[in-house]
């Protein structure tokens, strides 16, 4: 039996869709009223260790999806609750959705993920780490007034679509040869000027709108920090990962102003 934690979120629901026809799968959710339909559900709240032990009971494998909590200290606490509960429940193996760079870095975006990876290692549980990039779903360019703009300096982004990452997680959960490994998942590199060229519209660089998460991410892109590329995702999928260019071409044309979002 495979248990998916945080299964009411977008990633968890996609993973369950891939698993429900392959194997026995259980959704662990904080609010059973929001559980995905068609599979058994158990209450599993990251802030309630007892509920996690019950939710994880009997699991041969657990997909530990990272908490959406923004406060780093609280997020680490939630993840440690889950790791401890998995150990106490006798879970066969843990697959954790981590973040690129978490294997070596413990600051900023990677702090909670790094702490969780280390906790999983210390637990002695068989495990696999799936280090995700940013989701492409949040970055697909939009054509506004006949052009595409960004503040990325034309540099590359290694984002990947949530749907591909979910399929890869399902493959790891049901496949062999993944335990003890850490995968650095990246999508095909792309840039905003590349998408504009594919759509046949102009590209224009604009200043950042102001302080905030996107300004920080744009600065990372301009510095080339999102240009790391591996073939881990393609190998686990057994096929090429979806490109942002192909998604953009499927959603709009050069004479439209449709917002390209997930």
C-alpha atoms as a PDB file:
ATOM      1  CA  UNK A   1       0.000   0.000   0.000  1.00  0.00           C
ATOM      2  CA  UNK A   2       1.254   3.451  -0.941  1.00  0.00           C
ATOM      3  CA  UNK A   3       0.256   6.460   1.173  1.00  0.00           C
ATOM      4  CA  UNK A   4       0.344   9.968  -0.309  1.00  0.00           C
ATOM      5  CA  UNK A   5       0.630  12.739   2.285  1.00  0.00           C
ATOM      6  CA  UNK A   6      -0.799  16.214   1.651  1.00  0.00           C
ATOM      7  CA  UNK A   7      -2.899  14.437  -0.959  1.00  0.00           C
ATOM      8  CA  UNK A   8      -5.517  17.172  -1.271  1.00  0.00           C
ATOM      9  CA  UNK A   9      -3.000  19.495  -2.937  1.00  0.00           C
ATOM     10  CA  UNK A  10      -2.480  19.804  -6.686  1.00  0.00           C
ATOM     11  CA  UNK A  11       0.608  17.575  -6.811  1.00  0.00           C
ATOM     12  CA  UNK A  12      -0.868  14.903  -4.561  1.00  0.00           C
ATOM     13  CA  UNK A  13      -4.030  14.673  -6.639  1.00  0.00           C
ATOM     14  CA  UNK A  14      -2.019  14.238  -9.821  1.00  0.00           C
ATOM     15  CA  UNK A  15       0.134  11.502  -8.283  1.00  0.00           C
ATOM     16  CA  UNK A  16      -2.967   9.640  -7.127  1.00  0.00           C
ATOM     17  CA  UNK A  17      -4.432   9.807 -10.630  1.00  0.00           C
ATOM     18  CA  UNK A  18      -1.334   8.008 -11.906  1.00  0.00           C
ATOM     19  CA  UNK A  19      -1.360   5.418  -9.103  1.00  0.00           C
ATOM     20  CA  UNK A  20      -5.013   4.531  -8.690  1.00  0.00           C
ATOM     21  CA  UNK A  21      -4.971   2.061 -11.601  1.00  0.00           C
ATOM     22  CA  UNK A  22      -1.552   0.634 -10.740  1.00  0.00           C
ATOM     23  CA  UNK A  23      -1.655  -0.204  -7.044  1.00  0.00           C
ATOM     24  CA  UNK A  24      -3.423   0.247  -3.712  1.00  0.00           C
ATOM     25  CA  UNK A  25      -3.142   3.895  -2.731  1.00  0.00           C
ATOM     26  CA  UNK A  26      -4.390   5.848   0.292  1.00  0.00           C
ATOM     27  CA  UNK A  27      -4.720   9.629   0.555  1.00  0.00           C
ATOM     28  CA  UNK A  28      -3.522  11.209   3.805  1.00  0.00           C
ATOM     29  CA  UNK A  29      -5.099  14.643   4.206  1.00  0.00           C
ATOM     30  CA  UNK A  30      -5.502  17.232   6.939  1.00  0.00           C
ATOM     31  CA  UNK A  31      -9.185  17.695   6.083  1.00  0.00           C
ATOM     32  CA  UNK A  32     -10.931  14.475   4.969  1.00  0.00           C
ATOM     33  CA  UNK A  33     -13.641  16.618   3.391  1.00  0.00           C
ATOM     34  CA  UNK A  34     -11.112  17.735   0.781  1.00  0.00           C
ATOM     35  CA  UNK A  35      -9.732  14.269   0.021  1.00  0.00           C
ATOM     36  CA  UNK A  36      -9.436  13.161  -3.621  1.00  0.00           C
ATOM     37  CA  UNK A  37     -12.352  11.039  -4.780  1.00  0.00           C
ATOM     38  CA  UNK A  38     -12.047   7.387  -5.681  1.00  0.00           C
ATOM     39  CA  UNK A  39      -9.418   6.299  -3.144  1.00  0.00           C
ATOM     40  CA  UNK A  40      -9.514   5.611   0.616  1.00  0.00           C
ATOM     41  CA  UNK A  41      -8.646   8.617   2.753  1.00  0.00           C
ATOM     42  CA  UNK A  42      -7.177   8.946   6.234  1.00  0.00           C
ATOM     43  CA  UNK A  43      -6.702  12.037   8.340  1.00  0.00           C
ATOM     44  CA  UNK A  44      -3.034  12.961   8.476  1.00  0.00           C
ATOM     45  CA  UNK A  45      -2.234  16.451   9.763  1.00  0.00           C
ATOM     46  CA  UNK A  46       1.421  17.532   9.782  1.00  0.00           C
ATOM     47  CA  UNK A  47       0.735  19.348  13.071  1.00  0.00           C
ATOM     48  CA  UNK A  48      -0.779  16.230  14.676  1.00  0.00           C
ATOM     49  CA  UNK A  49       1.808  13.425  15.004  1.00  0.00           C
ATOM     50  CA  UNK A  50      -0.742  10.897  16.270  1.00  0.00           C
ATOM     51  CA  UNK A  51      -2.868  11.371  13.152  1.00  0.00           C
ATOM     52  CA  UNK A  52       0.204  10.875  10.979  1.00  0.00           C
ATOM     53  CA  UNK A  53       1.075   7.584  12.658  1.00  0.00           C
ATOM     54  CA  UNK A  54      -2.424   6.317  11.996  1.00  0.00           C
ATOM     55  CA  UNK A  55      -2.422   7.630   8.415  1.00  0.00           C
ATOM     56  CA  UNK A  56       0.914   5.968   7.624  1.00  0.00           C
ATOM     57  CA  UNK A  57       0.129   2.620   9.262  1.00  0.00           C
ATOM     58  CA  UNK A  58       0.641  -0.293   6.889  1.00  0.00           C
ATOM     59  CA  UNK A  59       2.351   1.760   4.170  1.00  0.00           C
ATOM     60  CA  UNK A  60       4.973  -0.040   2.136  1.00  0.00           C
ATOM     61  CA  UNK A  61       5.896   3.326   0.655  1.00  0.00           C
ATOM     62  CA  UNK A  62       5.086   6.896   1.640  1.00  0.00           C
ATOM     63  CA  UNK A  63       5.209   9.920  -0.636  1.00  0.00           C
ATOM     64  CA  UNK A  64       6.034  12.737   1.762  1.00  0.00           C
ATOM     65  CA  UNK A  65       4.939  15.874  -0.097  1.00  0.00           C
ATOM     66  CA  UNK A  66       6.469  19.004   1.362  1.00  0.00           C
ATOM     67  CA  UNK A  67       4.207  21.207   3.455  1.00  0.00           C
ATOM     68  CA  UNK A  68       2.878  24.441   1.892  1.00  0.00           C
ATOM     69  CA  UNK A  69       3.688  26.261   5.150  1.00  0.00           C
ATOM     70  CA  UNK A  70       5.743  29.407   4.444  1.00  0.00           C
ATOM     71  CA  UNK A  71       7.324  29.791   7.882  1.00  0.00           C
ATOM     72  CA  UNK A  72      10.563  27.813   7.692  1.00  0.00           C
ATOM     73  CA  UNK A  73      10.752  26.795  11.353  1.00  0.00           C
ATOM     74  CA  UNK A  74       7.166  25.567  11.391  1.00  0.00           C
ATOM     75  CA  UNK A  75       7.643  23.773   8.086  1.00  0.00           C
ATOM     76  CA  UNK A  76      10.674  21.928   9.404  1.00  0.00           C
ATOM     77  CA  UNK A  77       8.711  20.934  12.496  1.00  0.00           C
ATOM     78  CA  UNK A  78       5.892  19.576  10.363  1.00  0.00           C
ATOM     79  CA  UNK A  79       8.267  17.560   8.215  1.00  0.00           C
ATOM     80  CA  UNK A  80      10.053  16.149  11.257  1.00  0.00           C
ATOM     81  CA  UNK A  81       6.680  15.108  12.660  1.00  0.00           C
ATOM     82  CA  UNK A  82       6.043  13.201   9.443  1.00  0.00           C
ATOM     83  CA  UNK A  83       9.455  11.528   9.411  1.00  0.00           C
ATOM     84  CA  UNK A  84       9.110  10.455  13.032  1.00  0.00           C
ATOM     85  CA  UNK A  85       5.592   9.149  12.398  1.00  0.00           C
ATOM     86  CA  UNK A  86       6.800   7.194   9.361  1.00  0.00           C
ATOM     87  CA  UNK A  87       9.505   5.570  11.459  1.00  0.00           C
ATOM     88  CA  UNK A  88       7.111   4.729  14.291  1.00  0.00           C
ATOM     89  CA  UNK A  89       4.493   3.378  11.871  1.00  0.00           C
ATOM     90  CA  UNK A  90       7.028   1.066  10.254  1.00  0.00           C
ATOM     91  CA  UNK A  91       6.759   2.580   6.775  1.00  0.00           C
ATOM     92  CA  UNK A  92       8.737   0.554   4.256  1.00  0.00           C
ATOM     93  CA  UNK A  93      10.291   3.481   2.393  1.00  0.00           C
ATOM     94  CA  UNK A  94       9.913   7.257   2.137  1.00  0.00           C
ATOM     95  CA  UNK A  95       9.945   9.276  -1.081  1.00  0.00           C
ATOM     96  CA  UNK A  96      10.302  12.983  -0.256  1.00  0.00           C
ATOM     97  CA  UNK A  97       9.570  15.876  -2.620  1.00  0.00           C
ATOM     98  CA  UNK A  98      12.576  18.076  -1.932  1.00  0.00           C
ATOM     99  CA  UNK A  99      14.025  21.075  -3.789  1.00  0.00           C
ATOM    100  CA  UNK A 100      17.036  21.574  -6.030  1.00  0.00           C
ATOM    101  CA  UNK A 101      20.149  22.332  -4.008  1.00  0.00           C
ATOM    102  CA  UNK A 102      18.821  20.842  -0.770  1.00  0.00           C
ATOM    103  CA  UNK A 103      21.500  18.176  -0.755  1.00  0.00           C
ATOM    104  CA  UNK A 104      24.255  20.702  -0.115  1.00  0.00           C
ATOM    105  CA  UNK A 105      22.584  23.985   0.841  1.00  0.00           C
ATOM    106  CA  UNK A 106      20.718  24.877   4.030  1.00  0.00           C
ATOM    107  CA  UNK A 107      19.774  28.518   3.530  1.00  0.00           C
ATOM    108  CA  UNK A 108      16.832  30.376   2.047  1.00  0.00           C
ATOM    109  CA  UNK A 109      14.672  28.206  -0.191  1.00  0.00           C
ATOM    110  CA  UNK A 110      16.549  25.023   0.663  1.00  0.00           C
ATOM    111  CA  UNK A 111      16.691  25.246   4.464  1.00  0.00           C
ATOM    112  CA  UNK A 112      13.542  23.263   5.279  1.00  0.00           C
ATOM    113  CA  UNK A 113      14.222  20.714   2.548  1.00  0.00           C
ATOM    114  CA  UNK A 114      17.807  20.177   3.662  1.00  0.00           C
ATOM    115  CA  UNK A 115      16.719  19.674   7.270  1.00  0.00           C
ATOM    116  CA  UNK A 116      14.106  17.162   6.151  1.00  0.00           C
ATOM    117  CA  UNK A 117      16.510  15.209   3.971  1.00  0.00           C
ATOM    118  CA  UNK A 118      18.909  14.957   6.898  1.00  0.00           C
ATOM    119  CA  UNK A 119      16.098  13.800   9.202  1.00  0.00           C
ATOM    120  CA  UNK A 120      15.083  11.099   6.723  1.00  0.00           C
ATOM    121  CA  UNK A 121      18.695   9.909   6.491  1.00  0.00           C
ATOM    122  CA  UNK A 122      19.048   9.851  10.295  1.00  0.00           C
ATOM    123  CA  UNK A 123      15.815   7.856  10.602  1.00  0.00           C
ATOM    124  CA  UNK A 124      17.401   4.931   8.793  1.00  0.00           C
ATOM    125  CA  UNK A 125      14.319   4.544   6.592  1.00  0.00           C
ATOM    126  CA  UNK A 126      14.936   3.480   2.991  1.00  0.00           C
ATOM    127  CA  UNK A 127      14.335   6.600   0.951  1.00  0.00           C
ATOM    128  CA  UNK A 128      14.434   8.492  -2.322  1.00  0.00           C
ATOM    129  CA  UNK A 129      14.693  12.263  -2.685  1.00  0.00           C
ATOM    130  CA  UNK A 130      12.934  13.968  -5.590  1.00  0.00           C
ATOM    131  CA  UNK A 131      14.477  17.450  -5.782  1.00  0.00           C
ATOM    132  CA  UNK A 132      12.051  19.624  -7.702  1.00  0.00           C
ATOM    133  CA  UNK A 133      12.652  22.875  -9.564  1.00  0.00           C
ATOM    134  CA  UNK A 134      10.083  25.665  -9.634  1.00  0.00           C
ATOM    135  CA  UNK A 135       6.870  24.605 -11.356  1.00  0.00           C
ATOM    136  CA  UNK A 136       6.594  25.676 -14.991  1.00  0.00           C
ATOM    137  CA  UNK A 137       2.848  26.099 -14.420  1.00  0.00           C
ATOM    138  CA  UNK A 138       3.533  29.377 -12.622  1.00  0.00           C
ATOM    139  CA  UNK A 139       5.905  30.737 -15.262  1.00  0.00           C
ATOM    140  CA  UNK A 140       4.331  30.087 -18.659  1.00  0.00           C
ATOM    141  CA  UNK A 141       4.579  33.490 -20.398  1.00  0.00           C
ATOM    142  CA  UNK A 142       1.494  35.424 -21.348  1.00  0.00           C
ATOM    143  CA  UNK A 143       1.021  37.612 -24.384  1.00  0.00           C
ATOM    144  CA  UNK A 144      -0.220  41.042 -23.318  1.00  0.00           C
ATOM    145  CA  UNK A 145      -0.956  43.736 -25.896  1.00  0.00           C
ATOM    146  CA  UNK A 146       0.856  41.711 -28.538  1.00  0.00           C
ATOM    147  CA  UNK A 147       4.146  41.171 -26.708  1.00  0.00           C
ATOM    148  CA  UNK A 148       5.851  39.121 -24.000  1.00  0.00           C
ATOM    149  CA  UNK A 149       7.787  40.851 -21.242  1.00  0.00           C
ATOM    150  CA  UNK A 150       9.884  39.687 -18.324  1.00  0.00           C
ATOM    151  CA  UNK A 151      12.682  40.782 -16.001  1.00  0.00           C
ATOM    152  CA  UNK A 152      14.840  37.703 -16.475  1.00  0.00           C
ATOM    153  CA  UNK A 153      17.603  39.125 -18.660  1.00  0.00           C
ATOM    154  CA  UNK A 154      16.874  36.491 -21.299  1.00  0.00           C
ATOM    155  CA  UNK A 155      18.519  33.790 -19.188  1.00  0.00           C
ATOM    156  CA  UNK A 156      17.368  30.179 -19.043  1.00  0.00           C
ATOM    157  CA  UNK A 157      14.914  28.587 -16.617  1.00  0.00           C
ATOM    158  CA  UNK A 158      14.967  24.903 -15.652  1.00  0.00           C
ATOM    159  CA  UNK A 159      11.353  24.730 -14.481  1.00  0.00           C
ATOM    160  CA  UNK A 160       9.238  21.590 -14.921  1.00  0.00           C
ATOM    161  CA  UNK A 161       5.502  21.059 -15.138  1.00  0.00           C
ATOM    162  CA  UNK A 162       3.731  19.697 -12.080  1.00  0.00           C
ATOM    163  CA  UNK A 163       2.106  17.002 -14.239  1.00  0.00           C
ATOM    164  CA  UNK A 164       5.504  15.599 -15.266  1.00  0.00           C
ATOM    165  CA  UNK A 165       6.806  15.709 -11.697  1.00  0.00           C
ATOM    166  CA  UNK A 166       3.709  13.862 -10.487  1.00  0.00           C
ATOM    167  CA  UNK A 167       4.144  11.128 -13.090  1.00  0.00           C
ATOM    168  CA  UNK A 168       7.797  10.791 -12.149  1.00  0.00           C
ATOM    169  CA  UNK A 169       6.861  10.426  -8.483  1.00  0.00           C
ATOM    170  CA  UNK A 170       4.371   7.686  -9.363  1.00  0.00           C
ATOM    171  CA  UNK A 171       7.056   5.879 -11.363  1.00  0.00           C
ATOM    172  CA  UNK A 172       9.476   6.018  -8.435  1.00  0.00           C
ATOM    173  CA  UNK A 173       6.835   4.816  -5.979  1.00  0.00           C
ATOM    174  CA  UNK A 174       5.970   1.778  -8.109  1.00  0.00           C
ATOM    175  CA  UNK A 175       9.340   1.065  -9.685  1.00  0.00           C
ATOM    176  CA  UNK A 176      12.543  -0.626  -8.599  1.00  0.00           C
ATOM    177  CA  UNK A 177      16.078   0.669  -8.306  1.00  0.00           C
ATOM    178  CA  UNK A 178      15.238   4.074  -6.846  1.00  0.00           C
ATOM    179  CA  UNK A 179      15.941   3.575  -3.133  1.00  0.00           C
ATOM    180  CA  UNK A 180      19.000   5.362  -1.819  1.00  0.00           C
ATOM    181  CA  UNK A 181      18.988   7.799  -4.725  1.00  0.00           C
ATOM    182  CA  UNK A 182      18.462  11.545  -4.990  1.00  0.00           C
ATOM    183  CA  UNK A 183      17.142  12.884  -8.282  1.00  0.00           C
ATOM    184  CA  UNK A 184      17.687  16.467  -9.390  1.00  0.00           C
ATOM    185  CA  UNK A 185      14.632  17.017 -11.539  1.00  0.00           C
ATOM    186  CA  UNK A 186      14.795  19.798 -14.120  1.00  0.00           C
ATOM    187  CA  UNK A 187      12.761  20.506 -17.199  1.00  0.00           C
ATOM    188  CA  UNK A 188      14.191  21.482 -20.594  1.00  0.00           C
ATOM    189  CA  UNK A 189      15.843  24.882 -20.360  1.00  0.00           C
ATOM    190  CA  UNK A 190      13.785  27.702 -21.836  1.00  0.00           C
ATOM    191  CA  UNK A 191      13.721  31.497 -21.862  1.00  0.00           C
ATOM    192  CA  UNK A 192      11.096  34.188 -22.309  1.00  0.00           C
ATOM    193  CA  UNK A 193      12.675  35.457 -25.566  1.00  0.00           C
ATOM    194  CA  UNK A 194      12.590  31.874 -26.897  1.00  0.00           C
ATOM    195  CA  UNK A 195       8.860  31.603 -26.216  1.00  0.00           C
ATOM    196  CA  UNK A 196       8.212  34.999 -27.784  1.00  0.00           C
ATOM    197  CA  UNK A 197      10.083  33.924 -30.917  1.00  0.00           C
ATOM    198  CA  UNK A 198       8.106  30.677 -31.103  1.00  0.00           C
ATOM    199  CA  UNK A 199       4.835  32.604 -30.850  1.00  0.00           C
ATOM    200  CA  UNK A 200       5.964  35.213 -33.366  1.00  0.00           C
ATOM    201  CA  UNK A 201       5.599  38.162 -30.998  1.00  0.00           C
ATOM    202  CA  UNK A 202       8.134  40.731 -29.748  1.00  0.00           C
ATOM    203  CA  UNK A 203       9.978  40.289 -26.469  1.00  0.00           C
ATOM    204  CA  UNK A 204      10.743  43.223 -24.196  1.00  0.00           C
ATOM    205  CA  UNK A 205      12.811  43.309 -21.020  1.00  0.00           C
ATOM    206  CA  UNK A 206      11.190  45.341 -18.239  1.00  0.00           C
ATOM    207  CA  UNK A 207      12.302  46.368 -14.728  1.00  0.00           C
ATOM    208  CA  UNK A 208      11.115  44.330 -11.780  1.00  0.00           C
ATOM    209  CA  UNK A 209       7.780  45.544 -10.443  1.00  0.00           C
ATOM    210  CA  UNK A 210       9.119  45.827  -6.910  1.00  0.00           C
ATOM    211  CA  UNK A 211      10.122  43.787  -3.864  1.00  0.00           C
ATOM    212  CA  UNK A 212       8.537  40.373  -3.505  1.00  0.00           C
ATOM    213  CA  UNK A 213       9.010  36.685  -4.314  1.00  0.00           C
ATOM    214  CA  UNK A 214       8.966  37.149  -8.102  1.00  0.00           C
ATOM    215  CA  UNK A 215      11.600  39.889  -7.933  1.00  0.00           C
ATOM    216  CA  UNK A 216      13.834  37.554  -5.952  1.00  0.00           C
ATOM    217  CA  UNK A 217      13.257  34.742  -8.457  1.00  0.00           C
ATOM    218  CA  UNK A 218      13.920  37.086 -11.393  1.00  0.00           C
ATOM    219  CA  UNK A 219      17.234  38.068  -9.804  1.00  0.00           C
ATOM    220  CA  UNK A 220      18.131  34.383  -9.465  1.00  0.00           C
ATOM    221  CA  UNK A 221      17.297  33.827 -13.134  1.00  0.00           C
ATOM    222  CA  UNK A 222      19.379  36.831 -14.261  1.00  0.00           C
ATOM    223  CA  UNK A 223      22.314  35.440 -12.276  1.00  0.00           C
ATOM    224  CA  UNK A 224      22.032  32.118 -14.098  1.00  0.00           C
ATOM    225  CA  UNK A 225      21.023  30.240 -10.962  1.00  0.00           C
ATOM    226  CA  UNK A 226      18.174  28.411 -12.711  1.00  0.00           C
ATOM    227  CA  UNK A 227      20.257  27.078 -15.584  1.00  0.00           C
ATOM    228  CA  UNK A 228      21.293  23.819 -13.891  1.00  0.00           C
ATOM    229  CA  UNK A 229      20.185  20.979 -16.164  1.00  0.00           C
ATOM    230  CA  UNK A 230      20.070  17.213 -15.673  1.00  0.00           C
ATOM    231  CA  UNK A 231      18.390  14.346 -17.498  1.00  0.00           C
ATOM    232  CA  UNK A 232      17.035  12.804 -14.266  1.00  0.00           C
ATOM    233  CA  UNK A 233      13.423  13.739 -14.978  1.00  0.00           C
ATOM    234  CA  UNK A 234      13.487  12.386 -18.523  1.00  0.00           C
ATOM    235  CA  UNK A 235      15.076   9.122 -17.370  1.00  0.00           C
ATOM    236  CA  UNK A 236      12.497   8.555 -14.645  1.00  0.00           C
ATOM    237  CA  UNK A 237       9.642   9.486 -16.988  1.00  0.00           C
ATOM    238  CA  UNK A 238      11.007   7.333 -19.786  1.00  0.00           C
ATOM    239  CA  UNK A 239      10.227  10.135 -22.238  1.00  0.00           C
ATOM    240  CA  UNK A 240      11.073  13.820 -22.820  1.00  0.00           C
ATOM    241  CA  UNK A 241       9.591  16.249 -20.335  1.00  0.00           C
ATOM    242  CA  UNK A 242       7.075  18.794 -21.613  1.00  0.00           C
ATOM    243  CA  UNK A 243       8.587  22.098 -22.692  1.00  0.00           C
ATOM    244  CA  UNK A 244       7.255  25.552 -21.871  1.00  0.00           C
ATOM    245  CA  UNK A 245       7.425  26.421 -25.564  1.00  0.00           C
ATOM    246  CA  UNK A 246       5.154  23.517 -26.498  1.00  0.00           C
ATOM    247  CA  UNK A 247       2.693  24.430 -23.753  1.00  0.00           C
ATOM    248  CA  UNK A 248       2.672  28.047 -24.913  1.00  0.00           C
ATOM    249  CA  UNK A 249       2.101  27.070 -28.516  1.00  0.00           C
ATOM    250  CA  UNK A 250      -0.823  24.945 -27.455  1.00  0.00           C
ATOM    251  CA  UNK A 251      -2.510  27.719 -25.531  1.00  0.00           C
ATOM    252  CA  UNK A 252      -2.315  30.879 -27.632  1.00  0.00           C
ATOM    253  CA  UNK A 253      -1.235  32.423 -30.898  1.00  0.00           C
ATOM    254  CA  UNK A 254       0.575  35.594 -31.924  1.00  0.00           C
ATOM    255  CA  UNK A 255      -2.630  37.592 -32.295  1.00  0.00           C
ATOM    256  CA  UNK A 256      -4.208  36.595 -28.984  1.00  0.00           C
ATOM    257  CA  UNK A 257      -3.831  38.056 -25.504  1.00  0.00           C
ATOM    258  CA  UNK A 258      -4.853  34.972 -23.543  1.00  0.00           C
ATOM    259  CA  UNK A 259      -3.138  34.587 -20.201  1.00  0.00           C
ATOM    260  CA  UNK A 260      -1.059  31.409 -20.208  1.00  0.00           C
ATOM    261  CA  UNK A 261      -1.459  29.860 -16.779  1.00  0.00           C
ATOM    262  CA  UNK A 262      -1.863  26.410 -15.309  1.00  0.00           C
END
